[in-house]
Amino acid sequence: MKSFADKLTEAVRNKKTPVLVGLDPRWEQLPEKMTAGRDANSGRQVAEVFETFCREIIDVVAPLVPAVKPQAAFFEQYGPEGMCCLARVIRYASSKGLLVVFDGKRNDIGSTATAYAKGILGRGADRYWEADALTVNPYLGDDSLEPFVQVANDGGSGIFVLVKTSNPGGAMFQDLIADGQPL
């Protein structure tokens, strides 16, 4: 089985770019022709529009880039309909030959981290999201990352560990110095 790193390297070489396209649908920023006559308070209607929007983006970028990165929060805020839409978007992107990075910045300790990892990464009976990779937050320490590493290794998936963010408030922890060393 190929590792995620090998799959990503091959995809970047084939597409001749390392560009990854984020799928971050925001109702208020979608084209009016897509939202006209739709109810922004209906999870079902929003999910239908989000799916159409994301599929159209995927159709355009699939020949050009190696991967897409749907931001889970934009789908999760619409409840079960939004989450089902996210699952369909992931499968659609995969069917177009794209690698999919599930941008969920997940983490927890012990069995909960293992459940997140199994649920999101890879393929198989106990892996429902079928993402190729997952963003994770390292704040809880290396033992909280280990389940993600293990599941990723077992299934040929990848993880992207959040290290430094661009938001100004991130400096509160990310730029801390303790005993003369960066946190």
Foldseek 3Di string as FASTA:
>chain_A
DAALVVLLVVLCVQLVHADEAELQDDLVPDDCVLCPPHDPLQLQSVLVSSLVVLLVVLVVCLSHHAAYEYALVSQPVSPPSSVVSLLVSQVSSVVSRHAYEHEDQDWDADPVLLLVLQQDDADDDSHRSHHQEYEHEQVVHDRGCVSNVVSSVVHSGYYHYDQADDDPVSCVQNQDADPNHGD
